[in-house]
Amino acid sequence: MLMKTHFIAYSLLMTTIVVASNFLVQFPLSGTLAGISLGDLLTYGAFTYPIAFLITDLTNRQFGPSAARKVVLVGFVVGVILSVILASPRIAIASGTAFLVGQLLDIAIFNRLRAASWWKAPLLGSLLGSILDTAIFFALAFAPAFFLLGPNDDFAIAWAPLLGIFATEAPRWISWALGDLTVKMLVGFAMLLPYGALLSIIKPMPQSRAL
């Protein structure tokens, strides 16, 4: 009963984060900072998506990788369906693919390191998962080579100063990917705080090491 209740809770949280991130990734930040156009650097989705790794890691810690993969699958299926409605089919495909691959990598790394220092499993899992997730998502969502998945976004593929500050220019989606990854890594470090705070509350169940 405990596992079923927590599974539903984790699945609802995961779905909420995935759908919110898929919707927010369509919107570049507005305004400027120190002369840098934030719209050339980041989308709002970068700030919400890393929470998905926290949810996966908490599930993995408490119930093991098998339960974590089920939560990821729920988030994947529901997230893709709702993202088609709220975003676009191309964003949904890109997000679903990146999400599934990145989260499964996170689960594998977390499970391998679960016996190490408390911070290593969630930190390394989320960081490496974020790198893979970011590369897959931004390539599929915005790179002109994947136009068969949906129309190209003219603003995303337009050339602009790399990261909004360098003389070298690149398509905006490249800067978005680099900015997104930077934020994900920073938020990944920040997520260690709630993860660490919950360690005394969320205890591993006997089956938590089961594959």
Protein backbone atom coordinates (compact mmCIF):
# COMPACT_ATOMS: atom_id res chain seq x y z
CA MET A 1 0.00 0.00 0.00
CA LEU A 2 2.85 2.37 0.90
CA MET A 3 4.61 1.67 -2.37
CA LYS A 4 1.42 2.15 -4.40
CA THR A 5 0.67 5.48 -2.72
CA HIS A 6 4.21 6.75 -3.18
CA PHE A 7 4.34 5.46 -6.76
CA ILE A 8 1.25 7.48 -7.64
CA ALA A 9 2.67 10.56 -5.92
CA TYR A 10 6.04 10.25 -7.67
CA SER A 11 4.33 9.63 -11.02
CA LEU A 12 2.11 12.71 -10.67
CA LEU A 13 5.09 14.86 -9.72
CA MET A 14 7.12 13.53 -12.64
CA THR A 15 4.31 14.15 -15.12
CA THR A 16 3.82 17.69 -13.85
CA ILE A 17 7.51 18.53 -14.21
CA VAL A 18 7.82 16.99 -17.68
CA VAL A 19 4.77 18.77 -19.08
CA ALA A 20 5.71 22.10 -17.49
CA SER A 21 9.26 21.86 -18.84
CA ASN A 22 8.10 20.91 -22.34
CA PHE A 23 5.82 23.93 -22.38
CA LEU A 24 8.34 26.37 -20.90
CA VAL A 25 11.20 25.33 -23.18
CA GLN A 26 9.38 27.08 -26.03
CA PHE A 27 9.87 30.46 -24.35
CA PRO A 28 13.29 32.16 -24.26
CA LEU A 29 14.00 34.37 -21.27
CA SER A 30 13.15 38.01 -21.82
CA GLY A 31 15.33 40.99 -21.03
CA THR A 32 19.06 41.51 -20.79
CA LEU A 33 21.74 40.97 -18.15
CA ALA A 34 25.04 42.87 -18.32
CA GLY A 35 24.29 43.62 -21.94
CA ILE A 36 23.57 39.96 -22.77
CA SER A 37 20.27 39.11 -24.40
CA LEU A 38 18.86 36.34 -22.21
CA GLY A 39 16.69 35.17 -25.09
CA ASP A 40 19.87 34.13 -26.91
CA LEU A 41 21.00 32.09 -23.93
CA LEU A 42 18.20 30.34 -22.04
CA THR A 43 14.63 29.12 -22.05
CA TYR A 44 12.43 28.91 -18.97
CA GLY A 45 12.36 25.12 -19.17
CA ALA A 46 15.97 24.94 -17.95
CA PHE A 47 14.87 25.88 -14.44
CA THR A 48 12.17 23.25 -13.97
CA TYR A 49 13.46 20.15 -15.74
CA PRO A 50 16.28 19.21 -13.29
CA ILE A 51 13.61 18.54 -10.66
CA ALA A 52 12.78 15.38 -12.66
CA PHE A 53 16.14 13.91 -11.66
CA LEU A 54 15.38 14.58 -7.99
CA ILE A 55 12.08 12.71 -8.30
CA THR A 56 13.77 9.79 -10.06
CA ASP A 57 16.54 9.60 -7.48
CA LEU A 58 14.15 9.69 -4.53
CA THR A 59 12.10 6.90 -6.09
CA ASN A 60 15.27 4.92 -6.77
CA ARG A 61 16.51 5.40 -3.21
CA GLN A 62 13.24 4.35 -1.62
CA PHE A 63 11.98 1.59 -3.92
CA GLY A 64 14.87 0.73 -6.24
CA PRO A 65 15.61 1.02 -9.97
CA SER A 66 12.65 -1.06 -11.11
CA ALA A 67 10.16 1.32 -9.48
CA ALA A 68 12.15 4.32 -10.70
CA ARG A 69 11.95 3.07 -14.28
CA LYS A 70 8.18 2.68 -13.94
CA VAL A 71 7.85 6.28 -12.73
CA VAL A 72 10.00 7.42 -15.65
CA LEU A 73 7.81 5.42 -18.06
CA VAL A 74 4.66 7.04 -16.69
CA GLY A 75 6.24 10.47 -17.00
CA PHE A 76 7.36 9.64 -20.53
CA VAL A 77 3.98 8.41 -21.80
CA VAL A 78 1.78 11.05 -20.17
CA GLY A 79 4.35 13.78 -20.80
CA VAL A 80 4.56 13.04 -24.52
CA ILE A 81 0.79 12.92 -24.94
CA LEU A 82 0.16 16.18 -23.09
CA SER A 83 3.16 17.86 -24.68
CA VAL A 84 1.73 17.25 -28.14
CA ILE A 85 -1.26 19.29 -27.00
CA LEU A 86 0.58 22.01 -25.07
CA ALA A 87 3.70 22.27 -27.22
CA SER A 88 4.16 20.58 -30.62
CA PRO A 89 4.73 17.06 -31.94
CA ARG A 90 8.41 17.83 -32.60
CA ILE A 91 8.97 19.14 -29.08
CA ALA A 92 7.12 16.13 -27.69
CA ILE A 93 9.26 13.65 -29.66
CA ALA A 94 12.49 15.42 -28.77
CA SER A 95 11.57 15.76 -25.13
CA GLY A 96 10.28 12.21 -24.80
CA THR A 97 13.39 10.69 -26.37
CA ALA A 98 15.80 12.83 -24.36
CA PHE A 99 13.85 12.34 -21.15
CA LEU A 100 13.74 8.56 -21.45
CA VAL A 101 17.42 8.14 -22.32
CA GLY A 102 18.66 10.68 -19.76
CA GLN A 103 16.53 9.34 -16.92
CA LEU A 104 17.45 5.71 -17.59
CA LEU A 105 21.13 6.70 -17.51
CA ASP A 106 20.54 8.50 -14.21
CA ILE A 107 18.88 5.40 -12.75
CA ALA A 108 21.75 3.14 -13.84
CA ILE A 109 24.41 5.46 -12.41
CA PHE A 110 22.49 6.03 -9.18
CA ASN A 111 22.04 2.30 -8.64
CA ARG A 112 25.73 1.64 -9.28
CA LEU A 113 26.76 4.31 -6.75
CA ARG A 114 24.02 3.94 -4.14
CA ALA A 115 26.47 2.49 -1.61
CA ALA A 116 28.96 5.36 -2.06
CA SER A 117 28.85 8.72 -0.25
CA TRP A 118 25.27 10.00 -0.10
CA TRP A 119 25.83 12.82 -2.60
CA LYS A 120 27.70 10.90 -5.32
CA ALA A 121 24.80 8.88 -6.73
CA PRO A 122 22.30 11.75 -7.16
CA LEU A 123 24.91 14.27 -8.30
CA LEU A 124 26.74 12.16 -10.88
CA GLY A 125 23.53 10.58 -12.10
CA SER A 126 21.81 13.91 -12.66
CA LEU A 127 24.86 15.60 -14.20
CA LEU A 128 25.63 12.84 -16.71
CA GLY A 129 21.93 12.33 -17.41
CA SER A 130 21.55 16.07 -18.02
CA ILE A 131 24.43 16.15 -20.51
CA LEU A 132 22.91 13.34 -22.57
CA ASP A 133 19.38 14.69 -22.21
CA THR A 134 20.38 18.19 -23.33
CA ALA A 135 22.31 16.98 -26.38
CA ILE A 136 19.46 14.77 -27.57
CA PHE A 137 16.65 17.24 -26.87
CA PHE A 138 18.10 20.36 -28.49
CA ALA A 139 19.35 18.48 -31.54
CA LEU A 140 16.01 16.80 -32.21
CA ALA A 141 13.92 19.86 -31.30
CA PHE A 142 15.79 22.56 -33.20
CA ALA A 143 18.58 21.31 -35.46
CA PRO A 144 17.58 21.79 -39.14
CA ALA A 145 18.80 18.25 -39.90
CA PHE A 146 15.78 16.86 -38.05
CA PHE A 147 13.21 18.88 -40.01
CA LEU A 148 11.26 15.69 -40.73
CA LEU A 149 10.10 15.76 -37.10
CA GLY A 150 8.41 19.12 -37.63
CA PRO A 151 8.89 22.66 -38.94
CA ASN A 152 12.12 24.43 -38.03
CA ASP A 153 11.90 27.32 -35.58
CA ASP A 154 13.27 30.35 -37.46
CA PHE A 155 14.26 32.14 -34.25
CA ALA A 156 16.01 29.05 -32.89
CA ILE A 157 18.07 28.41 -36.02
CA ALA A 158 18.93 32.06 -36.66
CA TRP A 159 22.57 32.89 -36.02
CA ALA A 160 23.51 35.05 -33.05
CA PRO A 161 26.60 35.64 -30.86
CA LEU A 162 27.46 32.39 -29.07
CA LEU A 163 26.02 32.53 -25.55
CA GLY A 164 25.09 36.11 -26.33
CA ILE A 165 28.59 37.41 -25.57
CA PHE A 166 31.19 35.96 -27.97
CA ALA A 167 32.13 37.35 -31.36
CA THR A 168 31.72 33.87 -32.82
CA GLU A 169 28.17 33.26 -33.99
CA ALA A 170 26.14 30.06 -33.93
CA PRO A 171 22.48 29.11 -34.24
CA ARG A 172 20.57 30.23 -31.14
CA TRP A 173 19.66 26.66 -30.25
CA ILE A 174 23.35 25.90 -29.68
CA SER A 175 23.55 28.73 -27.13
CA TRP A 176 20.26 27.55 -25.61
CA ALA A 177 21.70 24.05 -25.21
CA LEU A 178 24.89 25.32 -23.56
CA GLY A 179 22.98 27.74 -21.33
CA ASP A 180 20.41 25.07 -20.51
CA LEU A 181 23.11 22.58 -19.55
CA THR A 182 24.85 25.15 -17.35
CA VAL A 183 21.62 25.87 -15.48
CA LYS A 184 20.80 22.17 -15.19
CA MET A 185 24.18 21.53 -13.61
CA LEU A 186 23.76 24.41 -11.17
CA VAL A 187 20.25 23.26 -10.27
CA GLY A 188 21.59 19.69 -10.04
CA PHE A 189 23.96 20.86 -7.31
CA ALA A 190 21.12 22.78 -5.65
CA MET A 191 18.91 19.66 -5.68
CA LEU A 192 21.38 18.02 -3.31
CA LEU A 193 19.93 20.21 -0.57
CA PRO A 194 16.37 18.81 -0.67
CA TYR A 195 17.73 15.32 -1.40
CA GLY A 196 19.99 15.46 1.65
CA ALA A 197 17.21 16.92 3.79
CA LEU A 198 14.90 14.03 2.86
CA LEU A 199 17.40 11.24 3.57
CA SER A 200 16.16 10.80 7.14
CA ILE A 201 12.53 10.71 5.96
CA ILE A 202 12.70 8.62 2.80
CA LYS A 203 14.29 5.35 3.85
CA PRO A 204 15.29 2.57 1.41
CA MET A 205 12.81 -0.30 1.39
CA PRO A 206 14.07 -3.92 1.47
CA GLN A 207 13.55 -4.30 -2.28
CA SER A 208 15.34 -1.05 -3.17
CA ARG A 209 18.39 -2.82 -4.64
CA ALA A 210 16.33 -5.04 -6.91
CA LEU A 211 16.95 -4.60 -10.60
